[in-house]
Structure formats: structure tokens, C-alpha cells
Amino acid sequence: MHAVLLGKVRRKGTSKAGKPYDFTACSVSYSAFGVEGVQVSEVLVDSRMIQFDALQIGDHYDFDYDNKGNLLNVFIED
């Protein structure tokens, strides 16, 4: 999915079950069939894929998913 980064927030800590987590919640916009204008969504990106500081507001990214909808990788678009 090709998208533009609109906003981001880092979530890092330990869950109530004691499991550590570290991800970035990215607000993105992208074109979608049947949508007039753009679609807006939130994508949760594991910090091992791309660091928080590397994500720049307004830049274009390609979010790569598998056939089950799991995020596989994030690529910075030129």
C-alpha cells in the first residue's frame, strides 16, 4: 500500500501480561477504489522494521503486507 504519513506516535512499554512492546502508530492517507478523495487509516509498525525517527511526516511510504494482512515491511518511497 502506497501511503503518505500524516502523523505518528511511539508506543513503548510493558503489557499487563509482562510482555514488552515497542511500535509506532502511523496515521496515513492513501488512494482506495471507490473512495472520493483519500482513505485514512492507522498502521502499527514494529520498531524493528523502521525506527520512529526515520519516519518523516509528509513522506511517502510503501507498506508491504502478506496475504493474511500482516505487515511485512515498510519502504521509503522516492
N, C-alpha and C. Protein backbone atom coordinates (compact mmCIF):
# COMPACT_ATOMS: atom_id res chain seq x y z
N MET A 1 0.85 -1.17 0.00
CA MET A 1 0.00 0.00 0.00
C MET A 1 0.90 1.23 0.00
N HIS A 2 0.73 2.09 -0.99
CA HIS A 2 1.45 3.35 -1.05
C HIS A 2 0.67 4.38 -0.24
N ALA A 3 1.35 5.06 0.70
CA ALA A 3 0.65 5.98 1.59
C ALA A 3 1.53 7.16 1.97
N VAL A 4 0.87 8.23 2.41
CA VAL A 4 1.56 9.43 2.90
C VAL A 4 1.39 9.45 4.42
N LEU A 5 2.49 9.68 5.13
CA LEU A 5 2.46 9.72 6.59
C LEU A 5 1.92 11.06 7.05
N LEU A 6 0.81 11.02 7.80
CA LEU A 6 0.16 12.23 8.31
C LEU A 6 0.53 12.53 9.75
N GLY A 7 0.80 11.48 10.52
CA GLY A 7 1.13 11.64 11.93
C GLY A 7 1.69 10.35 12.49
N LYS A 8 2.35 10.44 13.65
CA LYS A 8 2.95 9.25 14.26
C LYS A 8 3.03 9.43 15.77
N VAL A 9 2.98 8.30 16.48
CA VAL A 9 3.17 8.30 17.92
C VAL A 9 3.85 6.99 18.30
N ARG A 10 4.84 7.08 19.18
CA ARG A 10 5.56 5.88 19.61
C ARG A 10 4.91 5.31 20.86
N ARG A 11 4.73 4.00 20.85
CA ARG A 11 4.19 3.29 22.00
C ARG A 11 5.24 2.26 22.44
N LYS A 12 5.75 2.43 23.65
CA LYS A 12 6.78 1.54 24.17
C LYS A 12 6.51 1.30 25.64
N GLY A 13 6.64 0.05 26.06
CA GLY A 13 6.43 -0.26 27.47
C GLY A 13 6.30 -1.75 27.69
N THR A 14 5.60 -2.10 28.76
CA THR A 14 5.37 -3.50 29.12
C THR A 14 3.88 -3.69 29.33
N SER A 15 3.33 -4.73 28.72
CA SER A 15 1.90 -5.01 28.85
C SER A 15 1.58 -5.50 30.25
N LYS A 16 0.29 -5.58 30.56
CA LYS A 16 -0.14 -6.09 31.86
C LYS A 16 0.29 -7.54 32.06
N ALA A 17 0.48 -8.25 30.93
CA ALA A 17 0.93 -9.65 30.99
C ALA A 17 2.45 -9.75 31.13
N GLY A 18 3.14 -8.60 31.16
CA GLY A 18 4.57 -8.59 31.34
C GLY A 18 5.39 -8.67 30.06
N LYS A 19 4.72 -8.57 28.91
CA LYS A 19 5.43 -8.64 27.63
C LYS A 19 5.81 -7.24 27.15
N PRO A 20 7.07 -7.07 26.74
CA PRO A 20 7.50 -5.76 26.24
C PRO A 20 6.92 -5.49 24.85
N TYR A 21 6.65 -4.21 24.56
CA TYR A 21 6.21 -3.82 23.23
C TYR A 21 6.89 -2.51 22.85
N ASP A 22 7.08 -2.32 21.55
CA ASP A 22 7.70 -1.11 21.02
C ASP A 22 7.27 -0.98 19.56
N PHE A 23 6.36 -0.07 19.29
CA PHE A 23 5.87 0.13 17.92
C PHE A 23 5.51 1.59 17.70
N THR A 24 5.33 1.94 16.45
CA THR A 24 4.89 3.27 16.08
C THR A 24 3.51 3.17 15.45
N ALA A 25 2.56 3.95 15.95
CA ALA A 25 1.23 4.04 15.35
C ALA A 25 1.29 5.16 14.32
N CYS A 26 1.15 4.80 13.04
CA CYS A 26 1.26 5.76 11.94
C CYS A 26 -0.12 6.07 11.38
N SER A 27 -0.47 7.34 11.32
CA SER A 27 -1.68 7.77 10.64
C SER A 27 -1.29 8.07 9.20
N VAL A 28 -1.96 7.39 8.26
CA VAL A 28 -1.59 7.52 6.85
C VAL A 28 -2.82 7.80 5.99
N SER A 29 -2.58 8.36 4.80
CA SER A 29 -3.64 8.53 3.81
C SER A 29 -3.20 7.85 2.53
N TYR A 30 -4.17 7.28 1.80
CA TYR A 30 -3.87 6.55 0.56
C TYR A 30 -5.11 6.52 -0.33
N SER A 31 -4.89 6.27 -1.60
CA SER A 31 -5.99 6.15 -2.56
C SER A 31 -6.62 4.78 -2.42
N ALA A 32 -7.93 4.72 -2.56
CA ALA A 32 -8.64 3.45 -2.48
C ALA A 32 -9.75 3.43 -3.53
N PHE A 33 -9.97 2.27 -4.13
CA PHE A 33 -11.01 2.14 -5.15
C PHE A 33 -12.37 2.48 -4.56
N GLY A 34 -13.13 3.30 -5.26
CA GLY A 34 -14.47 3.66 -4.83
C GLY A 34 -14.53 4.79 -3.82
N VAL A 35 -13.37 5.33 -3.43
CA VAL A 35 -13.34 6.41 -2.45
C VAL A 35 -13.06 7.72 -3.17
N GLU A 36 -13.92 8.70 -2.94
CA GLU A 36 -13.69 10.03 -3.49
C GLU A 36 -12.76 10.76 -2.51
N GLY A 37 -11.62 11.21 -3.00
CA GLY A 37 -10.61 11.79 -2.12
C GLY A 37 -9.62 10.72 -1.71
N VAL A 38 -9.29 10.67 -0.42
CA VAL A 38 -8.34 9.66 0.07
C VAL A 38 -8.92 8.93 1.28
N GLN A 39 -8.44 7.72 1.49
CA GLN A 39 -8.79 6.91 2.65
C GLN A 39 -7.75 7.21 3.73
N VAL A 40 -8.16 7.21 4.99
CA VAL A 40 -7.24 7.45 6.10
C VAL A 40 -7.29 6.24 7.03
N SER A 41 -6.11 5.82 7.50
CA SER A 41 -6.04 4.63 8.34
C SER A 41 -4.87 4.75 9.31
N GLU A 42 -4.85 3.85 10.29
CA GLU A 42 -3.73 3.76 11.22
C GLU A 42 -3.01 2.44 10.97
N VAL A 43 -1.68 2.52 10.84
CA VAL A 43 -0.84 1.35 10.61
C VAL A 43 0.10 1.23 11.81
N LEU A 44 0.15 0.04 12.41
CA LEU A 44 1.04 -0.20 13.54
C LEU A 44 2.32 -0.84 13.01
N VAL A 45 3.45 -0.14 13.22
CA VAL A 45 4.74 -0.57 12.67
C VAL A 45 5.68 -0.93 13.81
N ASP A 46 6.14 -2.18 13.83
CA ASP A 46 7.09 -2.64 14.83
C ASP A 46 8.39 -1.86 14.69
N SER A 47 8.98 -1.48 15.80
CA SER A 47 10.20 -0.66 15.78
C SER A 47 11.38 -1.39 15.15
N ARG A 48 11.31 -2.72 15.03
CA ARG A 48 12.38 -3.46 14.37
C ARG A 48 12.35 -3.28 12.86
N MET A 49 11.21 -2.84 12.31
CA MET A 49 11.09 -2.62 10.87
C MET A 49 11.68 -1.28 10.45
N ILE A 50 11.33 -0.24 11.20
CA ILE A 50 11.83 1.11 10.91
C ILE A 50 11.74 1.92 12.20
N GLN A 51 12.77 2.65 12.50
CA GLN A 51 12.82 3.42 13.74
C GLN A 51 11.90 4.65 13.66
N PHE A 52 11.41 5.06 14.81
CA PHE A 52 10.49 6.20 14.93
C PHE A 52 11.06 7.45 14.25
N ASP A 53 12.33 7.77 14.52
CA ASP A 53 12.94 8.98 13.97
C ASP A 53 13.13 8.94 12.46
N ALA A 54 13.15 7.75 11.87
CA ALA A 54 13.31 7.61 10.42
C ALA A 54 12.02 7.93 9.67
N LEU A 55 10.89 7.87 10.36
CA LEU A 55 9.59 8.20 9.74
C LEU A 55 9.38 9.71 9.76
N GLN A 56 9.19 10.29 8.59
CA GLN A 56 9.03 11.73 8.46
C GLN A 56 7.63 12.08 7.98
N ILE A 57 6.98 12.99 8.70
CA ILE A 57 5.64 13.44 8.33
C ILE A 57 5.68 14.03 6.92
N GLY A 58 4.70 13.62 6.10
CA GLY A 58 4.60 14.12 4.73
C GLY A 58 5.33 13.27 3.70
N ASP A 59 6.21 12.37 4.15
CA ASP A 59 6.92 11.49 3.22
C ASP A 59 6.01 10.36 2.77
N HIS A 60 6.40 9.74 1.65
CA HIS A 60 5.63 8.65 1.05
C HIS A 60 6.29 7.32 1.42
N TYR A 61 5.45 6.34 1.78
CA TYR A 61 5.92 5.03 2.20
C TYR A 61 5.12 3.94 1.51
N ASP A 62 5.76 2.78 1.34
CA ASP A 62 5.08 1.61 0.81
C ASP A 62 5.01 0.58 1.93
N PHE A 63 3.80 0.25 2.36
CA PHE A 63 3.58 -0.73 3.41
C PHE A 63 3.29 -2.07 2.73
N ASP A 64 4.14 -3.05 2.98
CA ASP A 64 4.06 -4.35 2.33
C ASP A 64 3.39 -5.36 3.26
N TYR A 65 2.28 -5.97 2.79
CA TYR A 65 1.50 -6.91 3.59
C TYR A 65 1.54 -8.30 2.97
N ASP A 66 1.35 -9.34 3.81
CA ASP A 66 1.20 -10.69 3.27
C ASP A 66 -0.27 -10.94 2.94
N ASN A 67 -0.59 -12.17 2.49
CA ASN A 67 -1.97 -12.48 2.08
C ASN A 67 -2.95 -12.56 3.24
N LYS A 68 -2.44 -12.52 4.48
CA LYS A 68 -3.32 -12.52 5.66
C LYS A 68 -3.49 -11.13 6.26
N GLY A 69 -2.85 -10.13 5.64
CA GLY A 69 -2.97 -8.76 6.12
C GLY A 69 -1.95 -8.36 7.17
N ASN A 70 -0.94 -9.20 7.39
CA ASN A 70 0.12 -8.87 8.34
C ASN A 70 1.16 -7.98 7.68
N LEU A 71 1.59 -6.95 8.37
CA LEU A 71 2.60 -6.05 7.84
C LEU A 71 3.95 -6.76 7.80
N LEU A 72 4.58 -6.78 6.62
CA LEU A 72 5.86 -7.46 6.43
C LEU A 72 7.03 -6.50 6.49
N ASN A 73 6.86 -5.31 5.88
CA ASN A 73 7.96 -4.36 5.82
C ASN A 73 7.45 -2.99 5.44
N VAL A 74 8.28 -1.98 5.65
CA VAL A 74 7.98 -0.60 5.29
C VAL A 74 9.13 -0.08 4.45
N PHE A 75 8.82 0.48 3.29
CA PHE A 75 9.83 1.03 2.41
C PHE A 75 9.59 2.51 2.21
N ILE A 76 10.66 3.29 2.23
CA ILE A 76 10.56 4.73 1.95
C ILE A 76 10.52 4.92 0.46
N GLU A 77 9.52 5.64 -0.04
CA GLU A 77 9.36 5.92 -1.46
C GLU A 77 10.17 7.15 -1.83
N ASP A 78 10.73 7.15 -3.02
CA ASP A 78 11.48 8.32 -3.53
C ASP A 78 10.55 9.33 -4.14
